[in-house]
């Protein structure tokens, strides 16, 4: 059987082994009567990756709700989005989600979430608790009142989206939360009073109470030992963390394989699956190293350049290969499809401002739907009705005798499966 995991031979960094993401399946096919389909032509098609290749869906909210001001442009963005990704993150920043007290923009976000979900996309909400992008009407309220409203907000939104959004960044950037000074808000004083661990307990317990089956993330940009100490304190306090979120906005330059793997090794010791929740790689000049808070870098123009786009494509490929090489990584979300509207106006999108694909988009698509994807493959069953194929973990459709059946490769190694074609 030909392996889908051949290392590149064009001088780039060799691809590490991806055996932990691959299965070799033997599927016994049976007809509606239960008899093996011996010596039959079949076609095997991959339909879904188990790995979550994510991208934010902010740009497509208007299109999803039928309110796009430029449906032609947004339609091209959507075509590009669905050509690669299978998970999206939607914005639940409290200040923009509920700018007027008691009037949350639930229907608009619910419309977008359903639109993605109906197309087979896993939808995540971001975030339920954060100290930034806060509603102004919280300012001046006592801590106890802020806590009550925050708890109500969690329960309300998790409940309203249950069954459509079942994955949440429950709380965001807690390491800095009690000492945050960049903007006035009411969550930082509450975090200072309650402490980091109890803020996390509040977020997780309220969300879990409303949706016991939800997948809840602790998410942070701080990759120092401070985040490790916080994780350990949370676990010691008996608060279960479903997934660890690691941010990687690389505005000051690509981390590189060595640094990325070192971070993964540190955080994988908790035996909690890891999501790279926010990744950006630039196709223009990188931000100077002396900038401590990325928000402080404000420039009039930050263009994408041919040289930067070539570098971005190489770095995108190296970063994805590195993440997939590590067994702890379950998801990777790229933070921005196009340059239009990018955070800090940085040239970090995979598409240019006009919606045309950068080399990084083409390179990523070649990986996700090329090297790491089983194309429609014509095979033939043996005398026992068995067909054999190998591929990335995920879902596959097998067609034979005018019918079709779906199978899932759900763990690595050799799999023995059976499937029966449905009756017409």
Protein backbone atom coordinates (compact mmCIF):
# COMPACT_ATOMS: atom_id res chain seq x y z
CA UNK A 1 0.00 0.00 0.00
CA UNK A 2 1.33 3.41 -0.93
CA UNK A 3 1.91 5.63 2.06
CA UNK A 4 0.23 9.02 2.17
CA UNK A 5 3.04 10.32 4.35
CA UNK A 6 6.10 10.86 2.22
CA UNK A 7 8.61 13.44 3.33
CA UNK A 8 9.16 16.34 0.92
CA UNK A 9 12.29 15.99 -1.23
CA UNK A 10 12.60 19.63 -2.33
CA UNK A 11 14.92 20.82 0.41
CA UNK A 12 12.32 21.85 2.99
CA UNK A 13 12.39 20.53 6.53
CA UNK A 14 11.59 16.78 6.38
CA UNK A 15 8.12 15.91 7.57
CA UNK A 16 8.15 14.02 10.91
CA UNK A 17 6.32 10.73 11.13
CA UNK A 18 2.55 11.12 11.08
CA UNK A 19 1.79 7.50 11.88
CA UNK A 20 -0.32 8.56 14.88
CA UNK A 21 -2.72 10.29 12.47
CA UNK A 22 -2.98 7.46 9.97
CA UNK A 23 -4.86 4.18 9.75
CA UNK A 24 -4.75 1.25 7.35
CA UNK A 25 -8.29 -0.03 7.03
CA UNK A 26 -9.64 -3.37 5.90
CA UNK A 27 -13.37 -2.96 5.30
CA UNK A 28 -15.62 -5.94 4.63
CA UNK A 29 -18.47 -4.73 2.46
CA UNK A 30 -21.83 -6.47 2.49
CA UNK A 31 -24.93 -5.99 0.43
CA UNK A 32 -28.37 -5.23 1.89
CA UNK A 33 -28.91 -8.99 2.23
CA UNK A 34 -25.78 -9.36 4.34
CA UNK A 35 -23.79 -11.25 1.71
CA UNK A 36 -20.19 -10.10 1.10
CA UNK A 37 -19.74 -7.99 -2.03
CA UNK A 38 -17.02 -10.10 -3.62
CA UNK A 39 -15.02 -8.94 -6.63
CA UNK A 40 -16.78 -5.59 -6.99
CA UNK A 41 -15.43 -2.26 -8.13
CA UNK A 42 -15.65 0.37 -5.39
CA UNK A 43 -14.65 4.01 -5.00
CA UNK A 44 -13.30 5.32 -1.68
CA UNK A 45 -13.54 9.06 -0.99
CA UNK A 46 -12.40 10.95 2.08
CA UNK A 47 -15.09 13.33 3.38
CA UNK A 48 -13.69 14.70 6.65
CA UNK A 49 -10.49 15.08 8.61
CA UNK A 50 -10.54 14.09 12.28
CA UNK A 51 -7.94 16.79 12.89
CA UNK A 52 -9.60 20.18 13.26
CA UNK A 53 -8.24 22.56 10.64
CA UNK A 54 -9.77 25.80 11.88
CA UNK A 55 -10.12 29.40 10.79
CA UNK A 56 -12.14 32.24 12.27
CA UNK A 57 -15.50 32.84 10.62
CA UNK A 58 -15.82 36.53 11.49
CA UNK A 59 -15.66 37.60 7.82
CA UNK A 60 -18.59 35.39 6.85
CA UNK A 61 -21.17 36.33 9.50
CA UNK A 62 -22.95 38.82 7.23
CA UNK A 63 -23.00 36.38 4.31
CA UNK A 64 -24.40 33.65 6.56
CA UNK A 65 -27.21 35.98 7.63
CA UNK A 66 -28.00 37.25 4.14
CA UNK A 67 -26.87 40.78 5.03
CA UNK A 68 -23.59 40.97 3.09
CA UNK A 69 -22.80 44.36 1.59
CA UNK A 70 -20.53 42.70 -0.98
CA UNK A 71 -21.90 39.20 -1.64
CA UNK A 72 -19.57 38.59 -4.59
CA UNK A 73 -16.47 39.25 -2.49
CA UNK A 74 -17.83 37.42 0.55
CA UNK A 75 -18.83 34.50 -1.65
CA UNK A 76 -15.26 34.15 -2.85
CA UNK A 77 -14.08 34.21 0.75
CA UNK A 78 -16.58 31.48 1.61
CA UNK A 79 -15.44 29.31 -1.30
CA UNK A 80 -11.86 29.59 -0.11
CA UNK A 81 -12.83 28.96 3.52
CA UNK A 82 -14.76 25.77 2.85
CA UNK A 83 -12.08 24.53 0.48
CA UNK A 84 -9.70 24.00 3.41
CA UNK A 85 -11.23 24.31 6.87
CA UNK A 86 -13.57 22.18 9.00
CA UNK A 87 -13.73 24.17 12.25
CA UNK A 88 -14.57 27.82 12.86
CA UNK A 89 -14.43 30.27 15.76
CA UNK A 90 -17.16 32.90 16.14
CA UNK A 91 -16.83 36.11 18.24
CA UNK A 92 -18.65 36.37 21.56
CA UNK A 93 -16.77 39.35 22.95
CA UNK A 94 -19.22 40.65 25.52
CA UNK A 95 -18.83 44.31 24.58
CA UNK A 96 -19.76 43.74 20.91
CA UNK A 97 -22.16 40.85 21.53
CA UNK A 98 -24.23 42.82 24.06
CA UNK A 99 -23.33 46.50 23.67
CA UNK A 100 -26.73 47.43 25.07
CA UNK A 101 -27.61 45.73 28.32
CA UNK A 102 -30.29 43.11 27.86
CA UNK A 103 -30.08 43.12 24.05
CA UNK A 104 -27.55 40.45 23.05
CA UNK A 105 -27.01 39.83 19.35
CA UNK A 106 -27.97 36.20 19.73
CA UNK A 107 -29.91 35.72 16.50
CA UNK A 108 -27.12 37.06 14.31
CA UNK A 109 -24.50 34.77 15.83
CA UNK A 110 -26.93 31.86 15.95
CA UNK A 111 -27.65 32.32 12.26
CA UNK A 112 -23.94 32.21 11.46
CA UNK A 113 -23.32 29.24 13.75
CA UNK A 114 -26.13 27.25 12.15
CA UNK A 115 -24.91 28.17 8.67
CA UNK A 116 -21.49 26.72 9.43
CA UNK A 117 -22.86 23.69 11.29
CA UNK A 118 -25.20 22.81 8.42
CA UNK A 119 -22.10 22.58 6.22
CA UNK A 120 -20.43 20.08 8.53
CA UNK A 121 -18.22 22.55 10.38
CA UNK A 122 -17.42 22.31 14.10
CA UNK A 123 -18.24 25.71 15.63
CA UNK A 124 -16.51 27.22 18.66
CA UNK A 125 -17.50 30.31 20.65
CA UNK A 126 -14.80 32.73 21.81
CA UNK A 127 -14.79 33.69 24.68
CA UNK A 128 -17.25 33.46 27.57
CA UNK A 129 -15.06 35.37 30.03
CA UNK A 130 -12.39 37.93 29.12
CA UNK A 131 -11.28 41.28 30.48
CA UNK A 132 -11.02 42.95 27.06
CA UNK A 133 -13.82 44.17 24.73
CA UNK A 134 -16.12 44.60 27.71
CA UNK A 135 -19.49 46.40 27.66
CA UNK A 136 -19.32 49.93 29.00
CA UNK A 137 -22.47 49.41 31.04
CA UNK A 138 -20.54 47.11 33.41
CA UNK A 139 -18.26 49.92 34.55
CA UNK A 140 -18.90 51.21 38.04
CA UNK A 141 -20.91 48.22 39.19
CA UNK A 142 -19.87 46.45 42.43
CA UNK A 143 -17.81 43.28 42.03
CA UNK A 144 -20.67 41.13 43.33
CA UNK A 145 -23.02 42.54 40.69
CA UNK A 146 -20.43 42.07 37.96
CA UNK A 147 -19.98 38.45 39.01
CA UNK A 148 -23.73 37.85 38.99
CA UNK A 149 -24.08 39.32 35.50
CA UNK A 150 -21.06 37.39 34.25
CA UNK A 151 -22.47 34.12 35.53
CA UNK A 152 -25.84 34.88 33.96
CA UNK A 153 -24.15 35.74 30.69
CA UNK A 154 -22.35 32.39 30.58
CA UNK A 155 -25.50 30.40 31.30
CA UNK A 156 -27.61 32.40 28.87
CA UNK A 157 -25.26 32.08 25.90
CA UNK A 158 -24.14 28.51 26.43
CA UNK A 159 -27.78 27.51 26.75
CA UNK A 160 -28.96 29.49 23.73
CA UNK A 161 -26.32 27.93 21.46
CA UNK A 162 -26.36 24.42 22.88
CA UNK A 163 -26.40 21.82 20.11
CA UNK A 164 -24.98 24.29 17.60
CA UNK A 165 -21.95 25.51 19.54
CA UNK A 166 -20.74 22.89 21.99
CA UNK A 167 -17.11 24.04 22.15
CA UNK A 168 -16.13 27.21 23.99
CA UNK A 169 -13.09 29.17 25.04
CA UNK A 170 -14.54 29.28 28.54
CA UNK A 171 -12.12 31.92 29.75
CA UNK A 172 -9.38 33.80 27.98
CA UNK A 173 -5.95 35.05 29.06
CA UNK A 174 -6.31 34.56 32.80
CA UNK A 175 -2.58 34.85 33.52
CA UNK A 176 -2.72 38.59 32.88
CA UNK A 177 -6.36 39.11 33.89
CA UNK A 178 -5.94 40.39 37.50
CA UNK A 179 -3.07 42.73 36.58
CA UNK A 180 -4.31 44.03 33.23
CA UNK A 181 -3.99 47.83 32.98
CA UNK A 182 -4.27 48.69 29.28
CA UNK A 183 -7.95 49.60 29.46
CA UNK A 184 -10.51 50.09 32.19
CA UNK A 185 -12.89 47.18 32.63
CA UNK A 186 -14.92 45.46 35.34
CA UNK A 187 -13.54 41.93 34.95
CA UNK A 188 -9.99 42.75 36.06
CA UNK A 189 -11.13 44.04 39.49
CA UNK A 190 -13.31 40.95 39.88
CA UNK A 191 -10.35 38.71 39.02
CA UNK A 192 -8.21 40.59 41.50
CA UNK A 193 -10.80 39.93 44.21
CA UNK A 194 -11.58 36.30 43.38
CA UNK A 195 -8.19 35.17 42.12
CA UNK A 196 -7.35 33.42 38.89
CA UNK A 197 -8.37 29.91 39.90
CA UNK A 198 -11.80 30.96 41.14
CA UNK A 199 -12.42 32.96 37.96
CA UNK A 200 -11.71 29.80 36.01
CA UNK A 201 -13.93 27.75 38.31
CA UNK A 202 -16.76 30.21 37.72
CA UNK A 203 -16.43 30.02 33.93
CA UNK A 204 -16.15 26.25 33.74
CA UNK A 205 -18.82 25.40 36.30
CA UNK A 206 -21.42 27.76 34.86
CA UNK A 207 -20.81 26.57 31.30
CA UNK A 208 -20.79 22.93 32.35
CA UNK A 209 -24.02 23.31 34.29
CA UNK A 210 -25.79 24.62 31.18
CA UNK A 211 -24.21 22.15 28.75
CA UNK A 212 -22.69 19.10 30.49
CA UNK A 213 -21.42 17.75 27.17
CA UNK A 214 -19.61 20.91 26.15
CA UNK A 215 -15.89 20.96 25.34
CA UNK A 216 -14.39 23.77 27.41
CA UNK A 217 -10.99 25.36 26.83
CA UNK A 218 -8.65 27.33 29.03
CA UNK A 219 -6.99 29.67 26.55
CA UNK A 220 -3.92 31.91 26.87
CA UNK A 221 -1.17 33.68 24.95
CA UNK A 222 1.31 33.44 27.84
CA UNK A 223 3.57 30.49 27.10
CA UNK A 224 5.73 31.08 30.18
CA UNK A 225 5.85 28.97 33.32
CA UNK A 226 3.14 31.27 34.72
CA UNK A 227 0.61 29.50 32.51
CA UNK A 228 1.92 26.11 33.58
CA UNK A 229 1.61 27.09 37.26
CA UNK A 230 -1.96 28.26 36.66
CA UNK A 231 -2.89 25.00 34.93
CA UNK A 232 -1.45 23.01 37.82
CA UNK A 233 -3.35 25.11 40.36
CA UNK A 234 -6.60 24.65 38.45
CA UNK A 235 -6.16 20.89 38.26
CA UNK A 236 -5.21 20.71 41.95
CA UNK A 237 -8.42 22.63 42.72
CA UNK A 238 -10.41 19.84 41.06
CA UNK A 239 -11.50 21.86 38.02
CA UNK A 240 -11.45 19.64 34.91
CA UNK A 241 -10.03 21.24 31.76
CA UNK A 242 -11.23 19.63 28.54
CA UNK A 243 -8.68 21.24 26.23
CA UNK A 244 -5.69 23.54 26.61
CA UNK A 245 -5.68 26.54 24.27
CA UNK A 246 -2.31 27.91 23.17
CA UNK A 247 -2.18 31.16 21.20
CA UNK A 248 0.57 31.83 18.67
CA UNK A 249 0.22 35.27 17.08
CA UNK A 250 3.66 35.42 15.48
CA UNK A 251 3.71 39.10 14.55
CA UNK A 252 7.33 39.27 15.72
CA UNK A 253 8.43 36.31 13.66
CA UNK A 254 7.89 32.59 13.22
CA UNK A 255 8.60 30.56 16.33
CA UNK A 256 10.38 27.79 14.46
CA UNK A 257 10.10 24.05 14.90
CA UNK A 258 12.41 23.80 17.92
CA UNK A 259 10.54 26.39 19.99
CA UNK A 260 7.13 25.06 18.96
CA UNK A 261 7.99 21.48 19.88
CA UNK A 262 9.51 22.60 23.18
CA UNK A 263 6.27 24.40 24.07
CA UNK A 264 4.21 21.38 23.05
CA UNK A 265 6.33 19.06 25.15
CA UNK A 266 5.90 21.30 28.20
CA UNK A 267 2.14 21.58 27.94
CA UNK A 268 1.48 18.02 26.83
CA UNK A 269 2.61 16.66 30.20
CA UNK A 270 -0.86 17.39 31.60
CA UNK A 271 -2.33 14.77 29.26
CA UNK A 272 -4.94 17.26 28.07
CA UNK A 273 -5.44 17.58 24.30
CA UNK A 274 -4.00 20.81 22.93
CA UNK A 275 -5.67 23.25 20.57
CA UNK A 276 -3.58 25.91 18.87
CA UNK A 277 -6.41 28.41 19.06
CA UNK A 278 -5.04 31.59 17.49
CA UNK A 279 -2.21 31.52 14.98
CA UNK A 280 -1.02 34.33 12.73
CA UNK A 281 1.99 34.41 10.41
CA UNK A 282 2.79 37.57 8.48
CA UNK A 283 3.39 38.11 4.76
CA UNK A 284 5.02 41.50 5.29
CA UNK A 285 7.49 43.07 7.68
CA UNK A 286 7.49 41.55 11.15
CA UNK A 287 6.94 43.64 14.26
CA UNK A 288 10.09 44.84 16.10
CA UNK A 289 11.22 42.66 18.98
CA UNK A 290 11.15 45.53 21.49
CA UNK A 291 7.34 45.76 21.38
CA UNK A 292 5.97 44.10 24.53
CA UNK A 293 2.22 44.51 23.97
CA UNK A 294 1.43 43.81 20.31
CA UNK A 295 -1.47 46.26 20.50
CA UNK A 296 1.05 49.08 20.94
CA UNK A 297 2.33 48.68 17.36
CA UNK A 298 0.24 51.10 15.30
CA UNK A 299 1.36 51.94 11.75
CA UNK A 300 -0.35 53.71 8.86
CA UNK A 301 0.47 51.02 6.33
CA UNK A 302 1.48 47.39 6.74
CA UNK A 303 1.54 45.86 3.27
CA UNK A 304 1.92 42.30 2.14
CA UNK A 305 5.02 41.90 -0.02
CA UNK A 306 6.13 39.25 -2.55
CA UNK A 307 9.09 38.36 -0.37
CA UNK A 308 6.91 38.22 2.73
CA UNK A 309 4.33 36.06 1.00
CA UNK A 310 6.98 33.53 -0.01
CA UNK A 311 8.25 33.45 3.57
CA UNK A 312 4.73 33.12 4.98
CA UNK A 313 3.98 30.14 2.73
CA UNK A 314 7.08 28.35 3.92
CA UNK A 315 6.37 29.14 7.56
CA UNK A 316 2.71 28.06 7.32
CA UNK A 317 3.75 24.70 5.95
CA UNK A 318 6.47 24.22 8.56
CA UNK A 319 4.13 25.22 11.39
CA UNK A 320 1.35 22.87 10.34
CA UNK A 321 3.76 19.99 9.80
CA UNK A 322 5.23 20.56 13.25
CA UNK A 323 1.84 20.68 14.97
CA UNK A 324 0.57 17.54 13.26
CA UNK A 325 3.77 15.71 14.16
CA UNK A 326 2.92 16.06 17.86
CA UNK A 327 0.31 13.57 19.13
CA UNK A 328 -1.13 15.99 21.69
CA UNK A 329 -2.35 18.51 19.13
CA UNK A 330 -6.01 18.08 18.17
CA UNK A 331 -6.80 21.37 16.45
CA UNK A 332 -5.18 24.39 14.82
CA UNK A 333 -7.06 27.64 14.12
CA UNK A 334 -5.65 30.26 11.78
CA UNK A 335 -6.67 33.73 12.99
CA UNK A 336 -7.79 35.50 9.83
CA UNK A 337 -8.74 34.44 6.32
CA UNK A 338 -8.01 37.68 4.44
CA UNK A 339 -5.95 40.80 5.15
CA UNK A 340 -9.11 42.91 5.13
CA UNK A 341 -10.02 43.55 8.76
CA UNK A 342 -7.03 41.70 10.22
CA UNK A 343 -6.10 42.46 13.83
CA UNK A 344 -3.74 45.48 13.91
CA UNK A 345 -4.17 45.69 10.09
CA UNK A 346 -1.33 43.22 9.86
CA UNK A 347 -0.72 41.32 6.61
CA UNK A 348 -1.48 38.03 8.33
CA UNK A 349 -4.29 36.69 6.17
CA UNK A 350 -4.08 33.72 3.86
CA UNK A 351 -5.84 35.82 1.22
CA UNK A 352 -4.92 39.32 0.11
CA UNK A 353 -7.13 42.32 0.76
CA UNK A 354 -8.83 41.77 -2.62
CA UNK A 355 -9.61 38.14 -1.77
CA UNK A 356 -6.99 36.59 -4.03
CA UNK A 357 -5.05 33.66 -2.52
CA UNK A 358 -1.56 34.15 -1.23
CA UNK A 359 0.99 31.37 -1.72
CA UNK A 360 0.35 30.39 1.93
CA UNK A 361 -3.27 29.56 1.16
CA UNK A 362 -2.30 27.45 -1.85
CA UNK A 363 0.39 25.69 0.17
CA UNK A 364 -2.00 24.93 3.03
CA UNK A 365 -4.65 23.63 0.67
CA UNK A 366 -2.07 21.37 -0.99
CA UNK A 367 -1.41 19.85 2.42
CA UNK A 368 -4.96 19.56 3.79
CA UNK A 369 -6.65 18.48 0.56
CA UNK A 370 -3.60 17.07 -1.19
CA UNK A 371 -0.84 15.32 0.69
CA UNK A 372 -3.04 14.67 3.74
CA UNK A 373 -6.21 13.75 1.84
CA UNK A 374 -7.23 10.55 0.07
CA UNK A 375 -8.62 11.48 -3.36
CA UNK A 376 -11.38 9.39 -4.97
CA UNK A 377 -9.69 6.03 -5.33
CA UNK A 378 -10.93 3.14 -7.45
CA UNK A 379 -10.40 -0.23 -5.78
CA UNK A 380 -11.80 -3.74 -5.97
CA UNK A 381 -13.00 -6.05 -3.23
CA UNK A 382 -11.48 -9.50 -2.87
CA UNK A 383 -13.31 -12.81 -2.74
CA UNK A 384 -14.34 -12.11 0.86
CA UNK A 385 -15.75 -8.68 0.06
CA UNK A 386 -12.81 -6.89 1.60
CA UNK A 387 -11.31 -3.62 0.41
CA UNK A 388 -8.14 -2.11 1.82
CA UNK A 389 -7.03 1.51 1.92
CA UNK A 390 -5.03 3.85 4.10
CA UNK A 391 -5.50 7.47 5.02
CA UNK A 392 -5.63 10.17 7.64
CA UNK A 393 -8.00 9.61 10.53
CA UNK A 394 -11.45 10.84 9.60
CA UNK A 395 -14.54 9.90 7.61
CA UNK A 396 -14.67 8.07 4.27
CA UNK A 397 -17.47 7.17 1.87
CA UNK A 398 -17.36 3.91 -0.05
CA UNK A 399 -19.59 3.54 -3.09
CA UNK A 400 -20.37 0.18 -4.67
CA UNK A 401 -23.25 -1.41 -6.59
CA UNK A 402 -25.02 1.92 -6.84
CA UNK A 403 -25.04 2.46 -3.08
CA UNK A 404 -22.82 4.15 -0.55
CA UNK A 405 -21.74 3.62 3.04
CA UNK A 406 -19.74 5.79 5.43
CA UNK A 407 -16.93 4.53 7.64
CA UNK A 408 -14.72 6.28 10.19
CA UNK A 409 -11.03 5.71 10.80
CA UNK A 410 -11.02 6.69 14.44
CA UNK A 411 -7.67 5.52 15.72
CA UNK A 412 -4.25 4.87 14.20
CA UNK A 413 -2.87 1.56 13.07
CA UNK A 414 -4.59 -1.37 11.42
CA UNK A 415 -8.41 -1.35 11.52
CA UNK A 416 -10.81 -4.16 10.68
CA UNK A 417 -14.23 -2.73 9.83
CA UNK A 418 -17.41 -3.96 8.27
CA UNK A 419 -20.14 -2.02 6.52
CA UNK A 420 -23.46 -2.94 4.97
CA UNK A 421 -24.92 -1.04 2.05
CA UNK A 422 -28.44 0.23 2.78
CA UNK A 423 -31.44 -0.92 0.86
CA UNK A 424 -32.72 1.44 -1.83
